[in-house]
Amino acid sequence: DADRQEVDIYHIPEGWQGMDAGSKTREIFHDVIMNSRT
């Protein structure tokens, strides 16, 4: 139930902690996986 926002992973504000992959990251990971055979 915490307040949340999406930020650049290299610039996380003090007092905030990373909890999940952001939307751009998901797209990058998706492209890598779709071009994989194993």
All heavy atoms as atom14 arrays in JSON, in Angstrom:
{
  "sequence": "DADRQEVDIYHIPEGWQGMDAGSKTREIFHDVIMNSRT",
  "atom14_mask": [
    [1, 1, 1, 1, 1, 1, 1, 1, 0, 0, 0, 0, 0, 0],
    [1, 1, 1, 1, 1, 0, 0, 0, 0, 0, 0, 0, 0, 0],
    [1, 1, 1, 1, 1, 1, 1, 1, 0, 0, 0, 0, 0, 0],
    [1, 1, 1, 1, 1, 1, 1, 1, 1, 1, 1, 0, 0, 0],
    [1, 1, 1, 1, 1, 1, 1, 1, 1, 0, 0, 0, 0, 0],
    [1, 1, 1, 1, 1, 1, 1, 1, 1, 0, 0, 0, 0, 0],
    [1, 1, 1, 1, 1, 1, 1, 0, 0, 0, 0, 0, 0, 0],
    [1, 1, 1, 1, 1, 1, 1, 1, 0, 0, 0, 0, 0, 0],
    [1, 1, 1, 1, 1, 1, 1, 1, 0, 0, 0, 0, 0, 0],
    [1, 1, 1, 1, 1, 1, 1, 1, 1, 1, 1, 1, 0, 0],
    [1, 1, 1, 1, 1, 1, 1, 1, 1, 1, 0, 0, 0, 0],
    [1, 1, 1, 1, 1, 1, 1, 1, 0, 0, 0, 0, 0, 0],
    [1, 1, 1, 1, 1, 1, 1, 0, 0, 0, 0, 0, 0, 0],
    [1, 1, 1, 1, 1, 1, 1, 1, 1, 0, 0, 0, 0, 0],
    [1, 1, 1, 1, 0, 0, 0, 0, 0, 0, 0, 0, 0, 0],
    [1, 1, 1, 1, 1, 1, 1, 1, 1, 1, 1, 1, 1, 1],
    [1, 1, 1, 1, 1, 1, 1, 1, 1, 0, 0, 0, 0, 0],
    [1, 1, 1, 1, 0, 0, 0, 0, 0, 0, 0, 0, 0, 0],
    [1, 1, 1, 1, 1, 1, 1, 1, 0, 0, 0, 0, 0, 0],
    [1, 1, 1, 1, 1, 1, 1, 1, 0, 0, 0, 0, 0, 0],
    [1, 1, 1, 1, 1, 0, 0, 0, 0, 0, 0, 0, 0, 0],
    [1, 1, 1, 1, 0, 0, 0, 0, 0, 0, 0, 0, 0, 0],
    [1, 1, 1, 1, 1, 1, 0, 0, 0, 0, 0, 0, 0, 0],
    [1, 1, 1, 1, 1, 1, 1, 1, 1, 0, 0, 0, 0, 0],
    [1, 1, 1, 1, 1, 1, 1, 0, 0, 0, 0, 0, 0, 0],
    [1, 1, 1, 1, 1, 1, 1, 1, 1, 1, 1, 0, 0, 0],
    [1, 1, 1, 1, 1, 1, 1, 1, 1, 0, 0, 0, 0, 0],
    [1, 1, 1, 1, 1, 1, 1, 1, 0, 0, 0, 0, 0, 0],
    [1, 1, 1, 1, 1, 1, 1, 1, 1, 1, 1, 0, 0, 0],
    [1, 1, 1, 1, 1, 1, 1, 1, 1, 1, 0, 0, 0, 0],
    [1, 1, 1, 1, 1, 1, 1, 1, 0, 0, 0, 0, 0, 0],
    [1, 1, 1, 1, 1, 1, 1, 0, 0, 0, 0, 0, 0, 0],
    [1, 1, 1, 1, 1, 1, 1, 1, 0, 0, 0, 0, 0, 0],
    [1, 1, 1, 1, 1, 1, 1, 1, 0, 0, 0, 0, 0, 0],
    [1, 1, 1, 1, 1, 1, 1, 1, 0, 0, 0, 0, 0, 0],
    [1, 1, 1, 1, 1, 1, 0, 0, 0, 0, 0, 0, 0, 0],
    [1, 1, 1, 1, 1, 1, 1, 1, 1, 1, 1, 0, 0, 0],
    [1, 1, 1, 1, 1, 1, 1, 0, 0, 0, 0, 0, 0, 0]
  ],
  "atom14_positions": [
    [[0.81, -1.23, 0.0], [0.0, 0.0, 0.0], [0.84, 1.28, 0.0], [0.3, 2.38, 0.13], [-0.93, 0.0, 1.22], [-1.88, -1.2, 1.23], [-2.36, -1.55, 0.14], [-2.11, -1.76, 2.31], [0.0, 0.0, 0.0], [0.0, 0.0, 0.0], [0.0, 0.0, 0.0], [0.0, 0.0, 0.0], [0.0, 0.0, 0.0], [0.0, 0.0, 0.0]],
    [[2.15, 1.13, -0.14], [3.02, 2.3, -0.12], [2.8, 3.18, -1.35], [2.31, 2.72, -2.39], [4.48, 1.85, -0.06], [0.0, 0.0, 0.0], [0.0, 0.0, 0.0], [0.0, 0.0, 0.0], [0.0, 0.0, 0.0], [0.0, 0.0, 0.0], [0.0, 0.0, 0.0], [0.0, 0.0, 0.0], [0.0, 0.0, 0.0], [0.0, 0.0, 0.0]],
    [[3.17, 4.45, -1.23], [3.16, 5.33, -2.4], [4.24, 4.83, -3.36], [5.31, 4.36, -2.93], [3.48, 6.77, -1.98], [2.34, 7.4, -1.2], [1.19, 6.96, -1.39], [2.6, 8.31, -0.4], [0.0, 0.0, 0.0], [0.0, 0.0, 0.0], [0.0, 0.0, 0.0], [0.0, 0.0, 0.0], [0.0, 0.0, 0.0], [0.0, 0.0, 0.0]],
    [[3.99, 4.94, -4.66], [4.95, 4.43, -5.63], [5.05, 5.35, -6.84], [4.14, 6.11, -7.15], [4.58, 3.01, -6.06], [3.2, 2.84, -6.67], [2.87, 1.35, -6.85], [1.65, 1.15, -7.6], [0.44, 1.18, -7.08], [0.29, 1.41, -5.79], [-0.62, 0.98, -7.85], [0.0, 0.0, 0.0], [0.0, 0.0, 0.0], [0.0, 0.0, 0.0]],
    [[6.18, 5.25, -7.5], [6.42, 6.02, -8.73], [7.46, 5.28, -9.56], [8.17, 4.4, -9.07], [6.9, 7.43, -8.4], [8.2, 7.48, -7.6], [8.69, 8.89, -7.34], [8.73, 9.71, -8.27], [9.08, 9.18, -6.1], [0.0, 0.0, 0.0], [0.0, 0.0, 0.0], [0.0, 0.0, 0.0], [0.0, 0.0, 0.0], [0.0, 0.0, 0.0]],
    [[7.56, 5.63, -10.83], [8.53, 5.0, -11.72], [9.64, 6.0, -12.03], [9.36, 7.13, -12.47], [7.85, 4.55, -13.02], [8.72, 3.67, -13.9], [7.92, 3.03, -15.03], [7.2, 2.05, -14.76], [8.0, 3.53, -16.17], [0.0, 0.0, 0.0], [0.0, 0.0, 0.0], [0.0, 0.0, 0.0], [0.0, 0.0, 0.0], [0.0, 0.0, 0.0]],
    [[10.89, 5.58, -11.78], [12.02, 6.5, -11.95], [13.18, 5.8, -12.65], [13.23, 4.57, -12.76], [12.5, 7.05, -10.59], [11.39, 7.79, -9.86], [13.04, 5.91, -9.71], [0.0, 0.0, 0.0], [0.0, 0.0, 0.0], [0.0, 0.0, 0.0], [0.0, 0.0, 0.0], [0.0, 0.0, 0.0], [0.0, 0.0, 0.0], [0.0, 0.0, 0.0]],
    [[14.13, 6.61, -13.12], [15.39, 6.1, -13.66], [16.11, 5.36, -12.54], [16.24, 5.87, -11.42], [16.25, 7.28, -14.15], [17.55, 6.84, -14.8], [18.3, 6.08, -14.17], [17.79, 7.26, -15.95], [0.0, 0.0, 0.0], [0.0, 0.0, 0.0], [0.0, 0.0, 0.0], [0.0, 0.0, 0.0], [0.0, 0.0, 0.0], [0.0, 0.0, 0.0]],
    [[16.6, 4.15, -12.81], [17.18, 3.34, -11.75], [18.48, 3.94, -11.2], [18.88, 3.64, -10.07], [17.42, 1.89, -12.23], [17.61, 0.96, -11.02], [18.59, 1.82, -13.2], [17.56, -0.51, -11.35], [0.0, 0.0, 0.0], [0.0, 0.0, 0.0], [0.0, 0.0, 0.0], [0.0, 0.0, 0.0], [0.0, 0.0, 0.0], [0.0, 0.0, 0.0]],
    [[19.12, 4.81, -11.97], [20.35, 5.45, -11.5], [20.07, 6.69, -10.65], [20.99, 7.28, -10.11], [21.24, 5.83, -12.69], [21.94, 4.65, -13.32], [21.31, 3.88, -14.31], [23.22, 4.28, -12.92], [21.95, 2.8, -14.89], [23.86, 3.18, -13.49], [23.21, 2.45, -14.47], [23.84, 1.36, -15.05], [0.0, 0.0, 0.0], [0.0, 0.0, 0.0]],
    [[18.78, 7.06, -10.55], [18.43, 8.27, -9.8], [17.21, 8.01, -8.91], [16.18, 8.66, -9.03], [18.16, 9.44, -10.76], [19.34, 9.8, -11.61], [19.53, 9.3, -12.87], [20.4, 10.61, -11.34], [20.66, 9.79, -13.37], [21.2, 10.59, -12.46], [0.0, 0.0, 0.0], [0.0, 0.0, 0.0], [0.0, 0.0, 0.0], [0.0, 0.0, 0.0]],
    [[17.35, 7.06, -8.0], [16.27, 6.77, -7.06], [16.36, 7.76, -5.9], [17.41, 7.92, -5.28], [16.38, 5.32, -6.53], [16.26, 4.33, -7.69], [15.31, 5.04, -5.48], [16.46, 2.88, -7.3], [0.0, 0.0, 0.0], [0.0, 0.0, 0.0], [0.0, 0.0, 0.0], [0.0, 0.0, 0.0], [0.0, 0.0, 0.0], [0.0, 0.0, 0.0]],
    [[15.26, 8.45, -5.59], [15.29, 9.47, -4.53], [15.58, 8.84, -3.16], [15.24, 7.68, -2.91], [13.88, 10.07, -4.56], [13.31, 9.69, -5.89], [13.93, 8.37, -6.24], [0.0, 0.0, 0.0], [0.0, 0.0, 0.0], [0.0, 0.0, 0.0], [0.0, 0.0, 0.0], [0.0, 0.0, 0.0], [0.0, 0.0, 0.0], [0.0, 0.0, 0.0]],
    [[16.19, 9.63, -2.3], [16.42, 9.18, -0.92], [15.07, 8.9, -0.26], [14.1, 9.64, -0.46], [17.19, 10.23, -0.14], [18.65, 10.38, -0.58], [19.42, 9.08, -0.49], [19.25, 8.35, 0.52], [20.19, 8.77, -1.43], [0.0, 0.0, 0.0], [0.0, 0.0, 0.0], [0.0, 0.0, 0.0], [0.0, 0.0, 0.0], [0.0, 0.0, 0.0]],
    [[15.02, 7.84, 0.54], [13.78, 7.48, 1.22], [12.88, 6.56, 0.4], [11.85, 6.1, 0.9], [0.0, 0.0, 0.0], [0.0, 0.0, 0.0], [0.0, 0.0, 0.0], [0.0, 0.0, 0.0], [0.0, 0.0, 0.0], [0.0, 0.0, 0.0], [0.0, 0.0, 0.0], [0.0, 0.0, 0.0], [0.0, 0.0, 0.0], [0.0, 0.0, 0.0]],
    [[13.28, 6.29, -0.85], [12.51, 5.4, -1.72], [13.34, 4.16, -2.03], [14.57, 4.21, -2.06], [12.12, 6.1, -3.01], [11.15, 7.23, -2.81], [11.44, 8.46, -2.28], [9.76, 7.25, -3.13], [10.31, 9.24, -2.24], [9.26, 8.52, -2.77], [8.88, 6.33, -3.7], [7.93, 8.88, -2.94], [7.55, 6.68, -3.88], [7.08, 7.94, -3.5]],
    [[12.67, 3.06, -2.29], [13.38, 1.81, -2.57], [12.79, 1.11, -3.79], [11.58, 1.15, -4.03], [13.33, 0.87, -1.37], [11.92, 0.52, -0.89], [11.93, -0.26, 0.42], [12.48, -1.35, 0.48], [11.34, 0.32, 1.46], [0.0, 0.0, 0.0], [0.0, 0.0, 0.0], [0.0, 0.0, 0.0], [0.0, 0.0, 0.0], [0.0, 0.0, 0.0]],
    [[13.66, 0.49, -4.58], [13.22, -0.23, -5.77], [12.44, -1.48, -5.41], [12.88, -2.27, -4.58], [0.0, 0.0, 0.0], [0.0, 0.0, 0.0], [0.0, 0.0, 0.0], [0.0, 0.0, 0.0], [0.0, 0.0, 0.0], [0.0, 0.0, 0.0], [0.0, 0.0, 0.0], [0.0, 0.0, 0.0], [0.0, 0.0, 0.0], [0.0, 0.0, 0.0]],
    [[11.29, -1.65, -6.09], [10.4, -2.78, -5.78], [10.02, -3.61, -7.01], [9.6, -4.75, -6.87], [9.12, -2.25, -5.13], [9.32, -1.51, -3.82], [9.66, -2.6, -2.42], [7.98, -3.15, -2.04], [0.0, 0.0, 0.0], [0.0, 0.0, 0.0], [0.0, 0.0, 0.0], [0.0, 0.0, 0.0], [0.0, 0.0, 0.0], [0.0, 0.0, 0.0]],
    [[10.16, -3.03, -8.2], [9.73, -3.76, -9.39], [10.41, -3.16, -10.63], [10.84, -2.0, -10.62], [8.21, -3.68, -9.55], [7.65, -4.7, -10.53], [8.4, -5.6, -10.94], [6.45, -4.6, -10.87], [0.0, 0.0, 0.0], [0.0, 0.0, 0.0], [0.0, 0.0, 0.0], [0.0, 0.0, 0.0], [0.0, 0.0, 0.0], [0.0, 0.0, 0.0]],
    [[10.49, -3.95, -11.68], [11.07, -3.47, -12.93], [10.16, -2.43, -13.57], [8.92, -2.58, -13.56], [11.28, -4.64, -13.89], [0.0, 0.0, 0.0], [0.0, 0.0, 0.0], [0.0, 0.0, 0.0], [0.0, 0.0, 0.0], [0.0, 0.0, 0.0], [0.0, 0.0, 0.0], [0.0, 0.0, 0.0], [0.0, 0.0, 0.0], [0.0, 0.0, 0.0]],
    [[10.74, -1.39, -14.13], [9.97, -0.34, -14.79], [9.55, -0.73, -16.2], [9.96, -1.76, -16.73], [0.0, 0.0, 0.0], [0.0, 0.0, 0.0], [0.0, 0.0, 0.0], [0.0, 0.0, 0.0], [0.0, 0.0, 0.0], [0.0, 0.0, 0.0], [0.0, 0.0, 0.0], [0.0, 0.0, 0.0], [0.0, 0.0, 0.0], [0.0, 0.0, 0.0]],
    [[8.74, 0.11, -16.83], [8.17, -0.21, -18.14], [9.22, -0.3, -19.25], [9.16, -1.17, -20.11], [7.12, 0.84, -18.52], [7.65, 2.15, -18.44], [0.0, 0.0, 0.0], [0.0, 0.0, 0.0], [0.0, 0.0, 0.0], [0.0, 0.0, 0.0], [0.0, 0.0, 0.0], [0.0, 0.0, 0.0], [0.0, 0.0, 0.0], [0.0, 0.0, 0.0]],
    [[10.22, 0.58, -19.24], [11.27, 0.53, -20.25], [12.12, -0.74, -20.09], [12.53, -1.37, -21.07], [12.16, 1.77, -20.17], [11.47, 3.06, -20.57], [12.41, 4.25, -20.42], [11.7, 5.56, -20.77], [12.59, 6.74, -20.56], [0.0, 0.0, 0.0], [0.0, 0.0, 0.0], [0.0, 0.0, 0.0], [0.0, 0.0, 0.0], [0.0, 0.0, 0.0]],
    [[12.39, -1.09, -18.84], [13.15, -2.3, -18.56], [12.43, -3.53, -19.07], [13.03, -4.42, -19.68], [13.39, -2.43, -17.03], [14.21, -1.34, -16.6], [14.07, -3.75, -16.69], [0.0, 0.0, 0.0], [0.0, 0.0, 0.0], [0.0, 0.0, 0.0], [0.0, 0.0, 0.0], [0.0, 0.0, 0.0], [0.0, 0.0, 0.0], [0.0, 0.0, 0.0]],
    [[11.11, -3.57, -18.86], [10.33, -4.72, -19.33], [10.42, -4.85, -20.84], [10.51, -5.95, -21.38], [8.86, -4.56, -18.9], [8.65, -4.57, -17.4], [7.21, -4.24, -17.06], [7.13, -3.56, -15.76], [6.05, -2.96, -15.31], [4.94, -2.94, -16.03], [6.05, -2.38, -14.12], [0.0, 0.0, 0.0], [0.0, 0.0, 0.0], [0.0, 0.0, 0.0]],
    [[10.41, -3.72, -21.55], [10.5, -3.75, -23.01], [11.86, -4.26, -23.47], [11.96, -5.06, -24.4], [10.26, -2.35, -23.57], [8.83, -1.86, -23.41], [8.66, -0.42, -23.88], [9.63, 0.13, -24.46], [7.58, 0.14, -23.66], [0.0, 0.0, 0.0], [0.0, 0.0, 0.0], [0.0, 0.0, 0.0], [0.0, 0.0, 0.0], [0.0, 0.0, 0.0]],
    [[12.92, -3.8, -22.79], [14.27, -4.25, -23.15], [14.42, -5.75, -22.91], [14.91, -6.49, -23.78], [15.32, -3.48, -22.33], [15.34, -2.0, -22.75], [16.71, -4.1, -22.49], [16.17, -1.12, -21.84], [0.0, 0.0, 0.0], [0.0, 0.0, 0.0], [0.0, 0.0, 0.0], [0.0, 0.0, 0.0], [0.0, 0.0, 0.0], [0.0, 0.0, 0.0]],
    [[13.97, -6.2, -21.74], [14.06, -7.63, -21.42], [13.24, -8.45, -22.41], [13.65, -9.54, -22.83], [13.58, -7.88, -19.99], [14.52, -7.37, -18.91], [15.71, -6.73, -19.22], [14.21, -7.55, -17.56], [16.57, -6.27, -18.23], [15.05, -7.09, -16.56], [16.23, -6.45, -16.9], [0.0, 0.0, 0.0], [0.0, 0.0, 0.0], [0.0, 0.0, 0.0]],
    [[12.07, -7.94, -22.79], [11.2, -8.64, -23.73], [11.92, -8.85, -25.07], [11.89, -9.96, -25.63], [9.91, -7.84, -23.95], [9.02, -8.42, -25.01], [8.21, -9.52, -24.8], [8.82, -8.05, -26.32], [7.55, -9.81, -25.9], [7.9, -8.93, -26.85], [0.0, 0.0, 0.0], [0.0, 0.0, 0.0], [0.0, 0.0, 0.0], [0.0, 0.0, 0.0]],
    [[12.57, -7.82, -25.56], [13.26, -7.92, -26.85], [14.38, -8.95, -26.81], [14.58, -9.72, -27.76], [13.82, -6.56, -27.25], [12.72, -5.56, -27.65], [11.59, -6.02, -27.94], [13.01, -4.35, -27.66], [0.0, 0.0, 0.0], [0.0, 0.0, 0.0], [0.0, 0.0, 0.0], [0.0, 0.0, 0.0], [0.0, 0.0, 0.0], [0.0, 0.0, 0.0]],
    [[15.12, -8.98, -25.7], [16.2, -9.95, -25.55], [15.64, -11.37, -25.55], [16.16, -12.27, -26.24], [17.0, -9.69, -24.25], [18.07, -10.79, -24.05], [17.65, -8.32, -24.28], [0.0, 0.0, 0.0], [0.0, 0.0, 0.0], [0.0, 0.0, 0.0], [0.0, 0.0, 0.0], [0.0, 0.0, 0.0], [0.0, 0.0, 0.0], [0.0, 0.0, 0.0]],
    [[14.59, -11.58, -24.78], [13.99, -12.91, -24.65], [13.41, -13.39, -25.98], [13.58, -14.56, -26.36], [12.91, -12.89, -23.55], [13.57, -12.72, -22.17], [12.08, -14.18, -23.58], [12.61, -12.36, -21.07], [0.0, 0.0, 0.0], [0.0, 0.0, 0.0], [0.0, 0.0, 0.0], [0.0, 0.0, 0.0], [0.0, 0.0, 0.0], [0.0, 0.0, 0.0]],
    [[12.77, -12.5, -26.71], [12.16, -12.88, -27.98], [13.2, -13.25, -29.03], [12.9, -13.92, -30.01], [11.25, -11.77, -28.49], [10.03, -11.5, -27.64], [9.03, -12.99, -27.35], [8.44, -13.33, -29.01], [0.0, 0.0, 0.0], [0.0, 0.0, 0.0], [0.0, 0.0, 0.0], [0.0, 0.0, 0.0], [0.0, 0.0, 0.0], [0.0, 0.0, 0.0]],
    [[14.42, -12.82, -28.82], [15.51, -13.16, -29.75], [16.38, -14.29, -29.21], [17.5, -14.49, -29.68], [16.36, -11.92, -30.04], [15.65, -10.94, -30.96], [15.4, -11.25, -32.12], [15.29, -9.77, -30.44], [0.0, 0.0, 0.0], [0.0, 0.0, 0.0], [0.0, 0.0, 0.0], [0.0, 0.0, 0.0], [0.0, 0.0, 0.0], [0.0, 0.0, 0.0]],
    [[15.86, -15.03, -28.24], [16.6, -16.13, -27.63], [16.0, -17.48, -28.04], [14.8, -17.58, -28.29], [16.56, -16.02, -26.09], [17.09, -14.78, -25.68], [0.0, 0.0, 0.0], [0.0, 0.0, 0.0], [0.0, 0.0, 0.0], [0.0, 0.0, 0.0], [0.0, 0.0, 0.0], [0.0, 0.0, 0.0], [0.0, 0.0, 0.0], [0.0, 0.0, 0.0]],
    [[16.85, -18.5, -28.08], [16.38, -19.85, -28.41], [16.44, -20.78, -27.21], [15.79, -21.82, -27.19], [17.22, -20.43, -29.55], [17.13, -19.63, -30.83], [15.7, -19.57, -31.35], [15.19, -20.89, -31.7], [13.9, -21.15, -31.89], [13.0, -20.22, -31.74], [13.52, -22.38, -32.2], [0.0, 0.0, 0.0], [0.0, 0.0, 0.0], [0.0, 0.0, 0.0]],
    [[17.23, -20.42, -26.22], [17.31, -21.18, -24.97], [17.29, -20.17, -23.82], [18.05, -19.2, -23.84], [18.6, -22.03, -24.91], [18.64, -22.91, -26.03], [18.66, -22.84, -23.63], [0.0, 0.0, 0.0], [0.0, 0.0, 0.0], [0.0, 0.0, 0.0], [0.0, 0.0, 0.0], [0.0, 0.0, 0.0], [0.0, 0.0, 0.0], [0.0, 0.0, 0.0]]
  ]
}
